[in-house]
C-alpha cells in the first residue's frame, strides 16, 4: 500500500493505492508510525495511486493534523488536480499550512529548503 525513503533528509512516503474505506485506519497508522520514527524530518506524502479517492484524501488530511500537532512540516505531491484541490480546500488551517504540489521533486526540494 505504501513505501518510504529518505531524500535529502526528507521522509518521502509514497501511497501506491487508495486504501478504500476499510483500509483508512491501517494506512493512517502506517504513516503515523513513520512520522514518529523519523521525527523531526519533514514529510512529503506522494499520492502515486491512480485517481486518488476520498479515502486517501481523508487519511492525508488526518496525517497533516498529526504532523501539525507534532511540529513536523508536511506537504503532499499529487499529479491529480482534483485531488490537490480537495486537499487544499479541506486542510486544517489551525496549525501548519498544508502545501500541495503537482510534482514530487518540487515537493521534496521545497521541504528540504524549508527545513534548512
N, C-alpha and C. Protein backbone atom coordinates (compact mmCIF):
# COMPACT_ATOMS: atom_id res chain seq x y z
N UNK A 1 0.82 -1.18 0.00
CA UNK A 1 0.00 0.00 0.00
C UNK A 1 0.86 1.25 0.00
N UNK A 2 2.02 1.22 0.72
CA UNK A 2 2.89 2.38 0.73
C UNK A 2 4.34 1.95 0.86
N UNK A 3 5.21 2.88 0.52
CA UNK A 3 6.65 2.69 0.70
C UNK A 3 7.21 4.01 1.20
N UNK A 4 8.44 3.97 1.69
CA UNK A 4 9.04 5.20 2.18
C UNK A 4 10.52 5.22 1.87
N UNK A 5 11.08 6.42 1.84
CA UNK A 5 12.51 6.61 1.63
C UNK A 5 12.91 7.96 2.23
N UNK A 6 14.19 8.17 2.34
CA UNK A 6 14.71 9.47 2.78
C UNK A 6 15.39 10.11 1.58
N UNK A 7 15.05 11.35 1.31
CA UNK A 7 15.64 12.09 0.20
C UNK A 7 16.11 13.44 0.75
N UNK A 8 17.42 13.61 0.89
CA UNK A 8 17.99 14.84 1.45
C UNK A 8 17.41 15.16 2.83
N UNK A 9 17.21 14.14 3.64
CA UNK A 9 16.69 14.35 4.98
C UNK A 9 15.19 14.54 5.06
N UNK A 10 14.50 14.36 3.94
CA UNK A 10 13.05 14.48 3.89
C UNK A 10 12.46 13.07 3.81
N UNK A 11 11.53 12.77 4.71
CA UNK A 11 10.84 11.49 4.68
C UNK A 11 9.81 11.53 3.55
N UNK A 12 9.97 10.67 2.57
CA UNK A 12 9.06 10.61 1.43
C UNK A 12 8.24 9.34 1.57
N UNK A 13 6.95 9.50 1.79
CA UNK A 13 6.02 8.38 1.93
C UNK A 13 5.18 8.32 0.67
N UNK A 14 5.28 7.22 -0.05
CA UNK A 14 4.55 7.08 -1.30
C UNK A 14 3.39 6.12 -1.10
N UNK A 15 2.19 6.60 -1.39
CA UNK A 15 0.98 5.79 -1.30
C UNK A 15 0.71 5.25 -2.70
N UNK A 16 0.77 3.93 -2.85
CA UNK A 16 0.67 3.30 -4.16
C UNK A 16 -0.76 2.98 -4.58
N UNK A 17 -1.65 2.86 -3.60
CA UNK A 17 -3.05 2.58 -3.95
C UNK A 17 -3.97 3.14 -2.88
N UNK A 18 -5.15 3.50 -3.32
CA UNK A 18 -6.15 4.03 -2.39
C UNK A 18 -6.56 2.90 -1.45
N UNK A 19 -6.61 3.17 -0.14
CA UNK A 19 -6.91 2.10 0.81
C UNK A 19 -8.38 1.70 0.86
N UNK A 20 -9.24 2.53 0.27
CA UNK A 20 -10.67 2.28 0.41
C UNK A 20 -11.09 2.61 1.83
N UNK A 21 -12.37 2.60 2.06
CA UNK A 21 -12.91 2.95 3.37
C UNK A 21 -12.35 2.03 4.46
N UNK A 22 -12.29 0.74 4.18
CA UNK A 22 -11.84 -0.22 5.18
C UNK A 22 -10.37 -0.17 5.51
N UNK A 23 -9.56 0.43 4.63
CA UNK A 23 -8.12 0.46 4.87
C UNK A 23 -7.58 1.78 5.38
N UNK A 24 -8.48 2.73 5.63
CA UNK A 24 -8.02 4.05 6.09
C UNK A 24 -7.24 3.98 7.39
N UNK A 25 -7.75 3.24 8.37
CA UNK A 25 -7.09 3.18 9.67
C UNK A 25 -5.69 2.57 9.56
N UNK A 26 -5.57 1.53 8.75
CA UNK A 26 -4.27 0.88 8.58
C UNK A 26 -3.27 1.83 7.93
N UNK A 27 -3.72 2.54 6.88
CA UNK A 27 -2.83 3.48 6.20
C UNK A 27 -2.43 4.62 7.14
N UNK A 28 -3.37 5.15 7.89
CA UNK A 28 -3.05 6.23 8.81
C UNK A 28 -2.07 5.77 9.88
N UNK A 29 -2.25 4.57 10.39
CA UNK A 29 -1.33 4.03 11.39
C UNK A 29 0.07 3.88 10.81
N UNK A 30 0.17 3.39 9.59
CA UNK A 30 1.48 3.23 8.94
C UNK A 30 2.17 4.58 8.77
N UNK A 31 1.43 5.58 8.30
CA UNK A 31 2.01 6.91 8.12
C UNK A 31 2.40 7.50 9.47
N UNK A 32 1.54 7.36 10.46
CA UNK A 32 1.82 7.88 11.79
C UNK A 32 3.09 7.25 12.38
N UNK A 33 3.22 5.95 12.23
CA UNK A 33 4.42 5.26 12.74
C UNK A 33 5.68 5.80 12.08
N UNK A 34 5.63 6.02 10.77
CA UNK A 34 6.80 6.55 10.05
C UNK A 34 7.11 7.98 10.50
N UNK A 35 6.10 8.80 10.64
CA UNK A 35 6.31 10.19 11.08
C UNK A 35 6.97 10.21 12.45
N UNK A 36 6.48 9.38 13.36
CA UNK A 36 7.08 9.33 14.70
C UNK A 36 8.51 8.80 14.65
N UNK A 37 8.76 7.81 13.82
CA UNK A 37 10.09 7.20 13.75
C UNK A 37 11.14 8.15 13.16
N UNK A 38 10.74 8.99 12.22
CA UNK A 38 11.70 9.87 11.54
C UNK A 38 11.62 11.32 12.01
N UNK A 39 10.79 11.58 13.00
CA UNK A 39 10.63 12.92 13.53
C UNK A 39 11.97 13.46 13.97
N UNK A 40 12.37 14.63 13.68
CA UNK A 40 11.65 15.79 13.18
C UNK A 40 11.78 16.02 11.68
N UNK A 41 12.17 15.00 10.92
CA UNK A 41 12.33 15.17 9.47
C UNK A 41 11.02 15.64 8.83
N UNK A 42 11.11 16.58 7.89
CA UNK A 42 9.91 16.97 7.16
C UNK A 42 9.38 15.80 6.36
N UNK A 43 8.09 15.82 6.07
CA UNK A 43 7.42 14.70 5.41
C UNK A 43 6.79 15.17 4.12
N UNK A 44 6.97 14.37 3.07
CA UNK A 44 6.25 14.56 1.81
C UNK A 44 5.48 13.28 1.55
N UNK A 45 4.16 13.41 1.44
CA UNK A 45 3.32 12.26 1.09
C UNK A 45 3.05 12.35 -0.41
N UNK A 46 3.45 11.31 -1.12
CA UNK A 46 3.26 11.25 -2.57
C UNK A 46 2.09 10.34 -2.86
N UNK A 47 1.09 10.87 -3.52
CA UNK A 47 -0.07 10.06 -3.91
C UNK A 47 0.18 9.55 -5.32
N UNK A 48 0.71 8.34 -5.37
CA UNK A 48 1.10 7.72 -6.63
C UNK A 48 0.03 6.78 -7.16
N UNK A 49 -1.11 6.76 -6.50
CA UNK A 49 -2.19 5.86 -6.90
C UNK A 49 -3.02 6.52 -8.01
N UNK A 50 -3.51 5.71 -8.93
CA UNK A 50 -4.35 6.28 -9.99
C UNK A 50 -5.67 6.79 -9.41
N UNK A 51 -6.03 7.99 -9.77
CA UNK A 51 -7.29 8.62 -9.34
C UNK A 51 -7.52 8.49 -7.84
N UNK A 52 -6.68 9.14 -7.01
CA UNK A 52 -6.88 9.06 -5.56
C UNK A 52 -8.29 9.49 -5.19
N UNK A 53 -8.92 8.71 -4.34
CA UNK A 53 -10.32 8.96 -3.96
C UNK A 53 -10.40 9.56 -2.56
N UNK A 54 -11.62 9.68 -2.08
CA UNK A 54 -11.87 10.30 -0.79
C UNK A 54 -11.18 9.65 0.38
N UNK A 55 -11.01 8.33 0.34
CA UNK A 55 -10.39 7.63 1.47
C UNK A 55 -8.94 8.08 1.67
N UNK A 56 -8.17 8.14 0.60
CA UNK A 56 -6.77 8.53 0.74
C UNK A 56 -6.67 10.01 1.07
N UNK A 57 -7.55 10.83 0.55
CA UNK A 57 -7.56 12.25 0.90
C UNK A 57 -7.84 12.42 2.39
N UNK A 58 -8.78 11.67 2.91
CA UNK A 58 -9.11 11.71 4.33
C UNK A 58 -7.90 11.34 5.18
N UNK A 59 -7.19 10.30 4.79
CA UNK A 59 -6.01 9.86 5.54
C UNK A 59 -4.93 10.94 5.51
N UNK A 60 -4.71 11.54 4.36
CA UNK A 60 -3.68 12.57 4.25
C UNK A 60 -4.04 13.77 5.12
N UNK A 61 -5.29 14.16 5.14
CA UNK A 61 -5.71 15.28 5.98
C UNK A 61 -5.53 14.96 7.46
N UNK A 62 -5.80 13.74 7.86
CA UNK A 62 -5.57 13.34 9.25
C UNK A 62 -4.08 13.31 9.58
N UNK A 63 -3.28 12.82 8.64
CA UNK A 63 -1.83 12.81 8.84
C UNK A 63 -1.30 14.24 8.96
N UNK A 64 -1.87 15.15 8.19
CA UNK A 64 -1.46 16.55 8.28
C UNK A 64 -1.75 17.11 9.67
N UNK A 65 -2.92 16.79 10.22
CA UNK A 65 -3.24 17.25 11.58
C UNK A 65 -2.23 16.69 12.59
N UNK A 66 -1.88 15.41 12.43
CA UNK A 66 -0.89 14.79 13.31
C UNK A 66 0.44 15.52 13.20
N UNK A 67 0.91 15.72 11.98
CA UNK A 67 2.20 16.39 11.78
C UNK A 67 2.18 17.80 12.35
N UNK A 68 1.09 18.50 12.14
CA UNK A 68 0.97 19.85 12.66
C UNK A 68 1.05 19.84 14.19
N UNK A 69 0.38 18.87 14.80
CA UNK A 69 0.40 18.73 16.26
C UNK A 69 1.82 18.44 16.76
N UNK A 70 2.58 17.67 15.99
CA UNK A 70 3.95 17.30 16.38
C UNK A 70 4.98 18.36 16.00
N UNK A 71 4.55 19.36 15.24
CA UNK A 71 5.50 20.38 14.78
C UNK A 71 6.35 19.91 13.61
N UNK A 72 5.85 18.94 12.85
CA UNK A 72 6.58 18.38 11.71
C UNK A 72 5.99 18.98 10.43
N UNK A 73 6.85 19.51 9.58
CA UNK A 73 6.43 20.07 8.31
C UNK A 73 5.97 18.94 7.39
N UNK A 74 4.78 19.07 6.80
CA UNK A 74 4.26 18.05 5.89
C UNK A 74 3.74 18.70 4.63
N UNK A 75 4.03 18.09 3.50
CA UNK A 75 3.46 18.52 2.23
C UNK A 75 3.05 17.29 1.44
N UNK A 76 2.34 17.53 0.36
CA UNK A 76 1.79 16.45 -0.45
C UNK A 76 2.14 16.70 -1.91
N UNK A 77 2.36 15.61 -2.64
CA UNK A 77 2.55 15.68 -4.09
C UNK A 77 1.54 14.75 -4.75
N UNK A 78 0.79 15.31 -5.70
CA UNK A 78 -0.19 14.51 -6.45
C UNK A 78 -0.31 15.09 -7.84
N UNK A 79 -0.32 14.23 -8.83
CA UNK A 79 -0.48 14.70 -10.21
C UNK A 79 -1.94 14.97 -10.53
N UNK A 80 -2.85 14.59 -9.65
CA UNK A 80 -4.29 14.77 -9.87
C UNK A 80 -4.74 16.16 -9.39
N UNK A 81 -5.16 17.00 -10.33
CA UNK A 81 -5.63 18.33 -9.98
C UNK A 81 -6.85 18.29 -9.04
N UNK A 82 -7.85 17.41 -9.29
CA UNK A 82 -8.97 17.35 -8.35
C UNK A 82 -8.56 16.96 -6.93
N UNK A 83 -7.59 16.07 -6.83
CA UNK A 83 -7.09 15.66 -5.50
C UNK A 83 -6.38 16.83 -4.83
N UNK A 84 -5.56 17.54 -5.57
CA UNK A 84 -4.87 18.70 -4.99
C UNK A 84 -5.88 19.73 -4.50
N UNK A 85 -6.91 19.99 -5.28
CA UNK A 85 -7.94 20.95 -4.86
C UNK A 85 -8.66 20.48 -3.60
N UNK A 86 -9.00 19.19 -3.55
CA UNK A 86 -9.69 18.65 -2.37
C UNK A 86 -8.82 18.78 -1.13
N UNK A 87 -7.55 18.52 -1.26
CA UNK A 87 -6.65 18.65 -0.11
C UNK A 87 -6.54 20.10 0.34
N UNK A 88 -6.37 21.01 -0.60
CA UNK A 88 -6.23 22.42 -0.25
C UNK A 88 -7.50 22.97 0.38
N UNK A 89 -8.66 22.57 -0.14
CA UNK A 89 -9.93 23.09 0.37
C UNK A 89 -10.28 22.55 1.75
N UNK A 90 -9.82 21.35 2.07
CA UNK A 90 -10.22 20.70 3.32
C UNK A 90 -9.12 20.64 4.37
N UNK A 91 -7.97 21.21 4.09
CA UNK A 91 -6.86 21.16 5.04
C UNK A 91 -7.18 21.97 6.29
N UNK A 92 -6.69 21.49 7.41
CA UNK A 92 -6.85 22.17 8.69
C UNK A 92 -6.01 23.44 8.66
N UNK A 93 -6.61 24.55 8.97
CA UNK A 93 -5.90 25.83 8.93
C UNK A 93 -5.43 26.29 10.30
N UNK A 94 -5.70 25.48 11.32
CA UNK A 94 -5.33 25.87 12.68
C UNK A 94 -3.83 25.72 12.95
N UNK A 95 -3.17 24.80 12.26
CA UNK A 95 -1.76 24.55 12.50
C UNK A 95 -0.91 24.96 11.31
N UNK A 96 0.11 24.18 11.06
CA UNK A 96 1.00 24.42 9.93
C UNK A 96 0.24 24.22 8.63
N UNK A 97 0.41 25.12 7.70
CA UNK A 97 -0.29 25.07 6.42
C UNK A 97 0.15 23.84 5.62
N UNK A 98 -0.82 23.16 5.03
CA UNK A 98 -0.52 22.03 4.15
C UNK A 98 -0.19 22.57 2.77
N UNK A 99 1.00 22.26 2.29
CA UNK A 99 1.43 22.68 0.96
C UNK A 99 1.25 21.50 0.02
N UNK A 100 0.58 21.74 -1.10
CA UNK A 100 0.27 20.68 -2.06
C UNK A 100 0.96 21.00 -3.38
N UNK A 101 1.72 20.03 -3.89
CA UNK A 101 2.48 20.20 -5.13
C UNK A 101 2.00 19.22 -6.19
N UNK A 102 2.27 19.55 -7.43
CA UNK A 102 1.94 18.67 -8.55
C UNK A 102 3.05 17.66 -8.81
N UNK A 103 4.27 17.98 -8.38
CA UNK A 103 5.41 17.10 -8.68
C UNK A 103 6.17 16.75 -7.40
N UNK A 104 6.63 15.52 -7.34
CA UNK A 104 7.35 15.03 -6.17
C UNK A 104 8.67 15.76 -5.97
N UNK A 105 9.44 15.95 -7.04
CA UNK A 105 10.75 16.59 -6.89
C UNK A 105 10.62 18.02 -6.36
N UNK A 106 9.59 18.72 -6.78
CA UNK A 106 9.34 20.07 -6.27
C UNK A 106 8.97 20.02 -4.79
N UNK A 107 8.15 19.07 -4.41
CA UNK A 107 7.74 18.95 -3.01
C UNK A 107 8.93 18.64 -2.11
N UNK A 108 9.79 17.73 -2.54
CA UNK A 108 10.97 17.37 -1.73
C UNK A 108 11.93 18.55 -1.64
N UNK A 109 12.17 19.23 -2.75
CA UNK A 109 13.08 20.38 -2.73
C UNK A 109 12.55 21.49 -1.82
N UNK A 110 11.25 21.74 -1.88
CA UNK A 110 10.66 22.77 -1.03
C UNK A 110 10.73 22.39 0.45
N UNK A 111 10.47 21.12 0.76
CA UNK A 111 10.54 20.67 2.15
C UNK A 111 11.97 20.73 2.67
N UNK A 112 12.93 20.36 1.84
CA UNK A 112 14.35 20.43 2.22
C UNK A 112 14.73 21.88 2.50
N UNK A 113 14.34 22.79 1.62
CA UNK A 113 14.67 24.20 1.77
C UNK A 113 14.01 24.80 3.01
N UNK A 114 12.77 24.42 3.27
CA UNK A 114 12.05 24.96 4.42
C UNK A 114 12.64 24.46 5.73
N UNK A 115 13.18 23.25 5.73
CA UNK A 115 13.74 22.67 6.95
C UNK A 115 15.15 23.18 7.22
N UNK A 116 15.80 23.70 6.21
CA UNK A 116 17.20 24.14 6.36
C UNK A 116 17.33 25.40 7.17
